Amino acid sequence: MMDVKAYQDCYFNLLAFEKNFRQFIQRKVGDNDLTFSHIMILIYLDSYGSCGQKELTVTFNASSAAMAVSIARLEEKGLILKTADEEDKRNNIIDISPAGHNYVAEIMAQRNEALASEKENEILSTEEISLLTKLQK
């Protein structure tokens, strides 16, 4: 069992990892009017399939208003599809569009390319990869 200090260290390491990952993604996508949160929503939908807007709000620990703005932006760019939930009219079903899927595939290809290059390999040190693996377990 981990003590409080170990949990704190774990938490701060995750924060540092998230910061590095956020910077990496923003560098790779450049200035295209999408934020890190937008990209993470796309990656989530690409990985897990369609889901309700409420589920996205909870998953990303966002306010309903903030998620509605993100959904509107992604829909405007043609990266997601939004339909009314027939079972719950207060909810929308959000799915990734073919253009959104292509966008995520492009980001992932860039990420894989960067990880393979010696120069960009500093994204995660060997110690960070080891720690991340431990945390996932």
C-alpha atoms as a PDB file:
ATOM      1  CA  MET A   1       0.000   0.000   0.000  1.00  0.00           C
ATOM      2  CA  MET A   2       1.300   3.457  -0.930  1.00  0.00           C
ATOM      3  CA  ASP A   3       1.611   6.141   1.711  1.00  0.00           C
ATOM      4  CA  VAL A   4       0.378   9.713   1.249  1.00  0.00           C
ATOM      5  CA  LYS A   5       3.794  10.902   0.002  1.00  0.00           C
ATOM      6  CA  ALA A   6       3.808   8.198  -2.689  1.00  0.00           C
ATOM      7  CA  TYR A   7       0.321   9.257  -3.831  1.00  0.00           C
ATOM      8  CA  GLN A   8       1.439  12.892  -3.936  1.00  0.00           C
ATOM      9  CA  ASP A   9       4.513  11.973  -5.981  1.00  0.00           C
ATOM     10  CA  CYS A  10       2.332   9.939  -8.335  1.00  0.00           C
ATOM     11  CA  TYR A  11      -0.097  12.842  -8.742  1.00  0.00           C
ATOM     12  CA  PHE A  12       2.653  15.390  -9.435  1.00  0.00           C
ATOM     13  CA  ASN A  13       4.315  13.060 -11.911  1.00  0.00           C
ATOM     14  CA  LEU A  14       1.008  12.654 -13.740  1.00  0.00           C
ATOM     15  CA  LEU A  15       0.604  16.434 -13.838  1.00  0.00           C
ATOM     16  CA  ALA A  16       4.093  16.797 -15.324  1.00  0.00           C
ATOM     17  CA  PHE A  17       3.335  14.080 -17.873  1.00  0.00           C
ATOM     18  CA  GLU A  18       0.058  15.767 -18.829  1.00  0.00           C
ATOM     19  CA  LYS A  19       1.842  19.108 -19.260  1.00  0.00           C
ATOM     20  CA  ASN A  20       4.496  17.561 -21.520  1.00  0.00           C
ATOM     21  CA  PHE A  21       1.876  15.682 -23.535  1.00  0.00           C
ATOM     22  CA  ARG A  22      -0.222  18.851 -23.906  1.00  0.00           C
ATOM     23  CA  GLN A  23       2.793  20.806 -25.182  1.00  0.00           C
ATOM     24  CA  PHE A  24       3.730  18.012 -27.587  1.00  0.00           C
ATOM     25  CA  ILE A  25       0.222  17.833 -29.078  1.00  0.00           C
ATOM     26  CA  GLN A  26      -0.054  21.616 -29.423  1.00  0.00           C
ATOM     27  CA  ARG A  27       3.350  21.748 -31.165  1.00  0.00           C
ATOM     28  CA  LYS A  28       2.285  19.052 -33.605  1.00  0.00           C
ATOM     29  CA  VAL A  29      -1.111  20.491 -34.520  1.00  0.00           C
ATOM     30  CA  GLY A  30       0.094  24.084 -34.653  1.00  0.00           C
ATOM     31  CA  ASP A  31      -2.331  26.926 -35.066  1.00  0.00           C
ATOM     32  CA  ASN A  32      -5.536  25.381 -36.396  1.00  0.00           C
ATOM     33  CA  ASP A  33      -8.082  26.839 -33.963  1.00  0.00           C
ATOM     34  CA  LEU A  34      -8.277  23.600 -31.977  1.00  0.00           C
ATOM     35  CA  THR A  35      -7.278  23.341 -28.350  1.00  0.00           C
ATOM     36  CA  PHE A  36      -5.723  20.410 -26.547  1.00  0.00           C
ATOM     37  CA  SER A  37      -9.171  19.596 -25.102  1.00  0.00           C
ATOM     38  CA  HIS A  38     -10.700  19.495 -28.590  1.00  0.00           C
ATOM     39  CA  ILE A  39      -8.027  17.078 -29.732  1.00  0.00           C
ATOM     40  CA  MET A  40      -8.449  14.874 -26.677  1.00  0.00           C
ATOM     41  CA  ILE A  41     -12.215  14.716 -27.310  1.00  0.00           C
ATOM     42  CA  LEU A  42     -11.507  13.583 -30.881  1.00  0.00           C
ATOM     43  CA  ILE A  43      -8.999  10.966 -29.712  1.00  0.00           C
ATOM     44  CA  TYR A  44     -11.513   9.721 -27.119  1.00  0.00           C
ATOM     45  CA  LEU A  45     -14.292   9.389 -29.697  1.00  0.00           C
ATOM     46  CA  ASP A  46     -11.919   7.710 -32.145  1.00  0.00           C
ATOM     47  CA  SER A  47     -10.843   5.212 -29.472  1.00  0.00           C
ATOM     48  CA  TYR A  48     -14.164   4.484 -27.739  1.00  0.00           C
ATOM     49  CA  GLY A  49     -16.808   5.307 -30.345  1.00  0.00           C
ATOM     50  CA  SER A  50     -19.884   7.466 -30.046  1.00  0.00           C
ATOM     51  CA  CYS A  51     -21.173   8.542 -26.665  1.00  0.00           C
ATOM     52  CA  GLY A  52     -23.469  11.030 -25.059  1.00  0.00           C
ATOM     53  CA  GLN A  53     -22.484  14.637 -24.561  1.00  0.00           C
ATOM     54  CA  LYS A  54     -23.099  14.165 -20.833  1.00  0.00           C
ATOM     55  CA  GLU A  55     -20.591  11.292 -20.798  1.00  0.00           C
ATOM     56  CA  LEU A  56     -17.981  13.531 -22.428  1.00  0.00           C
ATOM     57  CA  THR A  57     -18.690  16.250 -19.870  1.00  0.00           C
ATOM     58  CA  VAL A  58     -18.082  13.828 -16.998  1.00  0.00           C
ATOM     59  CA  THR A  59     -15.100  12.103 -18.637  1.00  0.00           C
ATOM     60  CA  PHE A  60     -13.311  15.399 -19.242  1.00  0.00           C
ATOM     61  CA  ASN A  61     -14.402  16.954 -15.946  1.00  0.00           C
ATOM     62  CA  ALA A  62     -15.814  19.919 -17.844  1.00  0.00           C
ATOM     63  CA  SER A  63     -18.813  22.118 -17.282  1.00  0.00           C
ATOM     64  CA  SER A  64     -21.834  21.525 -19.504  1.00  0.00           C
ATOM     65  CA  ALA A  65     -21.328  24.966 -21.047  1.00  0.00           C
ATOM     66  CA  ALA A  66     -17.646  24.364 -21.806  1.00  0.00           C
ATOM     67  CA  MET A  67     -18.408  20.998 -23.394  1.00  0.00           C
ATOM     68  CA  ALA A  68     -21.217  22.536 -25.465  1.00  0.00           C
ATOM     69  CA  VAL A  69     -18.763  25.137 -26.812  1.00  0.00           C
ATOM     70  CA  SER A  70     -16.180  22.436 -27.623  1.00  0.00           C
ATOM     71  CA  ILE A  71     -18.800  20.275 -29.340  1.00  0.00           C
ATOM     72  CA  ALA A  72     -20.024  23.255 -31.373  1.00  0.00           C
ATOM     73  CA  ARG A  73     -16.460  24.071 -32.473  1.00  0.00           C
ATOM     74  CA  LEU A  74     -15.691  20.489 -33.504  1.00  0.00           C
ATOM     75  CA  GLU A  75     -19.023  20.202 -35.322  1.00  0.00           C
ATOM     76  CA  GLU A  76     -18.376  23.506 -37.119  1.00  0.00           C
ATOM     77  CA  LYS A  77     -15.021  22.140 -38.326  1.00  0.00           C
ATOM     78  CA  GLY A  78     -16.748  18.947 -39.552  1.00  0.00           C
ATOM     79  CA  LEU A  79     -14.776  16.706 -37.196  1.00  0.00           C
ATOM     80  CA  ILE A  80     -17.734  15.304 -35.247  1.00  0.00           C
ATOM     81  CA  LEU A  81     -21.388  14.472 -35.836  1.00  0.00           C
ATOM     82  CA  LYS A  82     -24.030  15.422 -33.269  1.00  0.00           C
ATOM     83  CA  THR A  83     -27.486  13.852 -33.180  1.00  0.00           C
ATOM     84  CA  ALA A  84     -30.317  14.023 -30.667  1.00  0.00           C
ATOM     85  CA  ASP A  85     -30.526  11.091 -28.272  1.00  0.00           C
ATOM     86  CA  GLU A  86     -33.893   9.468 -28.994  1.00  0.00           C
ATOM     87  CA  GLU A  87     -34.099   8.058 -25.448  1.00  0.00           C
ATOM     88  CA  ASP A  88     -33.137  11.297 -23.687  1.00  0.00           C
ATOM     89  CA  LYS A  89     -33.987  14.484 -25.571  1.00  0.00           C
ATOM     90  CA  ARG A  90     -31.796  16.489 -23.141  1.00  0.00           C
ATOM     91  CA  ASN A  91     -28.707  14.666 -24.377  1.00  0.00           C
ATOM     92  CA  ASN A  92     -26.877  14.549 -27.701  1.00  0.00           C
ATOM     93  CA  ILE A  93     -25.007  11.609 -29.171  1.00  0.00           C
ATOM     94  CA  ILE A  94     -21.555  12.624 -30.339  1.00  0.00           C
ATOM     95  CA  ASP A  95     -19.580  10.616 -32.894  1.00  0.00           C
ATOM     96  CA  ILE A  96     -16.402  11.269 -34.800  1.00  0.00           C
ATOM     97  CA  SER A  97     -16.841  12.057 -38.495  1.00  0.00           C
ATOM     98  CA  PRO A  98     -14.698  10.537 -41.246  1.00  0.00           C
ATOM     99  CA  ALA A  99     -12.785  13.860 -41.382  1.00  0.00           C
ATOM    100  CA  GLY A 100     -12.280  13.666 -37.610  1.00  0.00           C
ATOM    101  CA  HIS A 101     -11.032  10.096 -37.875  1.00  0.00           C
ATOM    102  CA  ASN A 102      -8.543  11.182 -40.572  1.00  0.00           C
ATOM    103  CA  TYR A 103      -7.434  14.097 -38.393  1.00  0.00           C
ATOM    104  CA  VAL A 104      -6.751  11.775 -35.428  1.00  0.00           C
ATOM    105  CA  ALA A 105      -4.921   9.301 -37.687  1.00  0.00           C
ATOM    106  CA  GLU A 106      -2.709  12.158 -38.900  1.00  0.00           C
ATOM    107  CA  ILE A 107      -1.940  13.279 -35.331  1.00  0.00           C
ATOM    108  CA  MET A 108      -1.118   9.709 -34.295  1.00  0.00           C
ATOM    109  CA  ALA A 109       1.153   9.262 -37.308  1.00  0.00           C
ATOM    110  CA  GLN A 110       2.969  12.474 -36.375  1.00  0.00           C
ATOM    111  CA  ARG A 111       3.255  11.283 -32.776  1.00  0.00           C
ATOM    112  CA  ASN A 112       4.685   7.932 -33.849  1.00  0.00           C
ATOM    113  CA  GLU A 113       7.090   9.657 -36.203  1.00  0.00           C
ATOM    114  CA  ALA A 114       8.233  12.002 -33.428  1.00  0.00           C
ATOM    115  CA  LEU A 115       8.711   9.158 -30.973  1.00  0.00           C
ATOM    116  CA  ALA A 116      10.813   7.309 -33.523  1.00  0.00           C
ATOM    117  CA  SER A 117      13.072  10.283 -34.110  1.00  0.00           C
ATOM    118  CA  GLU A 118      16.037  10.726 -31.796  1.00  0.00           C
ATOM    119  CA  LYS A 119      15.442  14.453 -31.445  1.00  0.00           C
ATOM    120  CA  GLU A 120      11.845  14.216 -30.229  1.00  0.00           C
ATOM    121  CA  ASN A 121      12.424  11.174 -28.050  1.00  0.00           C
ATOM    122  CA  GLU A 122      12.913  13.495 -25.087  1.00  0.00           C
ATOM    123  CA  ILE A 123       9.117  13.654 -24.734  1.00  0.00           C
ATOM    124  CA  LEU A 124       9.323  10.826 -22.225  1.00  0.00           C
ATOM    125  CA  SER A 125      12.489   9.701 -20.556  1.00  0.00           C
ATOM    126  CA  THR A 126      13.048   6.015 -19.864  1.00  0.00           C
ATOM    127  CA  GLU A 127      12.262   6.718 -16.202  1.00  0.00           C
ATOM    128  CA  GLU A 128       8.990   8.448 -17.132  1.00  0.00           C
ATOM    129  CA  ILE A 129       7.949   5.551 -19.353  1.00  0.00           C
ATOM    130  CA  SER A 130       8.737   3.145 -16.511  1.00  0.00           C
ATOM    131  CA  LEU A 131       6.755   5.253 -14.047  1.00  0.00           C
ATOM    132  CA  LEU A 132       3.819   5.576 -16.429  1.00  0.00           C
ATOM    133  CA  THR A 133       3.779   1.813 -16.924  1.00  0.00           C
ATOM    134  CA  LYS A 134       3.730   1.305 -13.144  1.00  0.00           C
ATOM    135  CA  LEU A 135       0.915   3.830 -12.757  1.00  0.00           C
ATOM    136  CA  GLN A 136      -1.161   2.135 -15.438  1.00  0.00           C
ATOM    137  CA  LYS A 137      -0.857  -1.171 -13.588  1.00  0.00           C
END
